[in-house]
Amino acid sequence: MIIGIHHIAISVDNIDEAVTFYTNAFSFQPVQQENIDNDVLANRVIGMDAIRARMVMLKAPAAFVELWQYTHPESEDRRSRPCDCGYPHMALQVENMETAVSRLRTHGMTFAGDAVCGEQASAVYGYDPFDNIIELYEIKTDALPQLPRHAL
């Protein structure tokens, strides 16, 4: 039985900067940290040999964000465009698009353009300081699926 989404993993090239960004910009809270140095079980789970990495799990309102910085094997930059196959973005539901965009800019986010505002919803793609895509999504009607208000 599937209970729900537990976490979204994001690989970054500077985990300390990433933790600072996600805690300051989104108020996510660190709940777990690990240094992995060729751990046999981690190697088996991930399917790679001789992994060396730092991991920090951040608690978000309705799920977790798991940040990774690998030192071995060496990372390749394979960030994708929104149309590429894979995991191109995560979306965060917000209550006030204009306020959210303005506040996140102060934390170093950039945006693809102005939010597209419709009667039922508004959305805009943004980029964290590591060029990972984060969609901001404001739902204005009960006709669209949304997170419970207490989770925001």
Protein backbone atom coordinates (compact mmCIF):
# COMPACT_ATOMS: atom_id res chain seq x y z
CA MET A 1 0.00 0.00 0.00
CA ILE A 2 1.30 3.42 -0.93
CA ILE A 3 0.88 5.93 1.90
CA GLY A 4 2.17 9.06 0.15
CA ILE A 5 5.25 10.89 -1.08
CA HIS A 6 8.02 10.70 1.52
CA HIS A 7 10.78 12.81 -0.06
CA ILE A 8 12.23 14.40 -3.14
CA ALA A 9 16.01 14.01 -3.55
CA ILE A 10 18.14 16.83 -4.95
CA SER A 11 21.85 16.54 -5.72
CA VAL A 12 23.83 19.73 -5.19
CA ASP A 13 27.46 20.76 -5.44
CA ASN A 14 27.52 22.54 -2.05
CA ILE A 15 25.32 20.97 0.60
CA ASP A 16 25.99 23.66 3.22
CA GLU A 17 24.75 26.38 0.87
CA ALA A 18 21.78 24.20 -0.10
CA VAL A 19 20.76 23.63 3.52
CA THR A 20 21.02 27.37 4.19
CA PHE A 21 18.91 28.15 1.12
CA TYR A 22 16.15 25.60 1.80
CA THR A 23 15.92 26.40 5.51
CA ASN A 24 15.91 30.19 5.03
CA ALA A 25 13.83 30.39 1.85
CA PHE A 26 11.22 27.72 2.61
CA SER A 27 11.55 27.18 6.39
CA PHE A 28 12.32 23.48 5.87
CA GLN A 29 13.96 22.00 8.96
CA PRO A 30 16.92 19.56 9.07
CA VAL A 31 15.88 16.31 10.74
CA GLN A 32 18.65 13.90 9.71
CA GLN A 33 22.25 14.14 8.54
CA GLU A 34 24.63 11.43 7.41
CA ASN A 35 28.15 11.17 6.08
CA ILE A 36 28.45 8.11 3.87
CA ASP A 37 31.92 6.68 3.23
CA ASN A 38 31.80 3.52 1.14
CA ASP A 39 29.01 2.04 3.28
CA VAL A 40 28.19 -1.43 1.91
CA LEU A 41 24.44 -1.07 2.47
CA ALA A 42 24.27 2.45 0.98
CA ASN A 43 26.25 1.20 -2.04
CA ARG A 44 23.70 -1.62 -2.51
CA VAL A 45 20.64 0.63 -2.09
CA ILE A 46 21.91 3.27 -4.51
CA GLY A 47 23.49 0.76 -6.90
CA MET A 48 26.94 2.34 -7.07
CA ASP A 49 30.34 1.39 -5.65
CA ALA A 50 32.48 3.27 -3.13
CA ILE A 51 29.98 6.06 -2.49
CA ARG A 52 31.20 9.05 -0.50
CA ALA A 53 28.54 11.66 0.15
CA ARG A 54 26.83 13.90 2.64
CA MET A 55 23.06 13.74 3.02
CA VAL A 56 20.74 16.09 4.88
CA MET A 57 17.01 15.32 5.18
CA LEU A 58 14.83 18.43 5.49
CA LYS A 59 11.25 18.36 6.79
CA ALA A 60 8.81 20.27 4.60
CA PRO A 61 5.13 20.72 5.52
CA ALA A 62 3.79 17.59 3.77
CA ALA A 63 6.94 15.68 2.74
CA PHE A 64 10.73 15.72 3.04
CA VAL A 65 13.48 17.08 0.77
CA GLU A 66 16.67 15.02 0.78
CA LEU A 67 19.83 16.91 -0.21
CA TRP A 68 22.90 15.01 -1.42
CA GLN A 69 26.45 16.10 -2.14
CA TYR A 70 28.56 13.31 -3.64
CA THR A 71 32.34 13.41 -3.56
CA HIS A 72 32.68 9.91 -5.10
CA PRO A 73 31.86 9.02 -7.74
CA GLU A 74 32.40 12.48 -9.14
CA SER A 75 29.15 14.19 -10.09
CA GLU A 76 28.24 15.16 -13.63
CA ASP A 77 26.00 18.15 -14.27
CA ARG A 78 22.88 16.70 -15.87
CA ARG A 79 20.31 19.28 -14.93
CA SER A 80 17.42 19.09 -17.30
CA ARG A 81 15.05 21.41 -19.03
CA PRO A 82 11.38 21.21 -17.98
CA CYS A 83 10.59 19.17 -21.13
CA ASP A 84 13.34 16.54 -20.60
CA CYS A 85 12.57 13.06 -19.30
CA GLY A 86 13.48 12.33 -15.69
CA TYR A 87 12.73 14.37 -12.60
CA PRO A 88 12.64 17.89 -13.99
CA HIS A 89 11.14 19.80 -11.04
CA MET A 90 9.34 19.82 -7.73
CA ALA A 91 6.31 22.02 -7.11
CA LEU A 92 5.51 23.88 -3.90
CA GLN A 93 1.99 25.09 -3.26
CA VAL A 94 1.88 28.73 -2.07
CA GLU A 95 -0.91 30.94 -0.77
CA ASN A 96 0.14 34.30 -2.27
CA MET A 97 2.17 34.10 -5.47
CA GLU A 98 3.39 37.70 -5.56
CA THR A 99 4.56 37.61 -1.93
CA ALA A 100 6.21 34.20 -2.37
CA VAL A 101 8.13 35.25 -5.50
CA SER A 102 9.27 38.49 -3.91
CA ARG A 103 10.47 36.77 -0.73
CA LEU A 104 12.24 33.95 -2.57
CA ARG A 105 14.12 36.42 -4.77
CA THR A 106 15.73 37.76 -1.58
CA HIS A 107 17.07 34.23 -0.99
CA GLY A 108 18.68 33.97 -4.42
CA MET A 109 15.95 32.34 -6.51
CA THR A 110 15.52 33.46 -10.09
CA PHE A 111 12.40 32.93 -12.17
CA ALA A 112 11.62 31.99 -15.78
CA GLY A 113 9.39 35.05 -16.01
CA ASP A 114 6.33 36.49 -14.34
CA ALA A 115 3.79 34.13 -12.81
CA VAL A 116 1.06 33.04 -15.19
CA CYS A 117 -2.15 33.92 -13.38
CA GLY A 118 -5.46 32.30 -14.25
CA GLU A 119 -8.85 32.16 -12.57
CA GLN A 120 -8.21 28.75 -11.02
CA ALA A 121 -4.45 28.81 -10.45
CA SER A 122 -1.18 30.70 -10.88
CA ALA A 123 2.21 29.14 -11.57
CA VAL A 124 5.81 30.06 -12.30
CA TYR A 125 9.02 28.07 -12.62
CA GLY A 126 11.95 29.27 -10.55
CA TYR A 127 15.55 28.18 -10.05
CA ASP A 128 17.28 27.67 -6.73
CA PRO A 129 20.92 28.84 -6.46
CA PHE A 130 21.98 25.41 -7.85
CA ASP A 131 19.74 25.73 -10.97
CA ASN A 132 17.26 23.09 -9.79
CA ILE A 133 13.74 23.89 -10.98
CA ILE A 134 11.12 24.67 -8.34
CA GLU A 135 7.60 25.44 -9.49
CA LEU A 136 5.48 27.74 -7.34
CA TYR A 137 1.80 26.86 -7.66
CA GLU A 138 -1.06 28.87 -6.18
CA ILE A 139 -4.49 27.21 -6.26
CA LYS A 140 -7.47 29.57 -6.23
CA THR A 141 -10.38 27.12 -6.38
CA ASP A 142 -11.56 23.97 -4.65
CA ALA A 143 -11.97 22.39 -8.11
CA LEU A 144 -8.19 21.65 -8.22
CA PRO A 145 -6.38 19.18 -5.95
CA GLN A 146 -4.46 20.96 -3.20
CA LEU A 147 -2.71 20.42 0.08
CA PRO A 148 -4.75 20.91 3.23
CA ARG A 149 -4.38 24.47 4.55
CA HIS A 150 -2.66 23.28 7.75
CA ALA A 151 0.13 21.76 5.63
CA LEU A 152 1.10 25.03 3.96
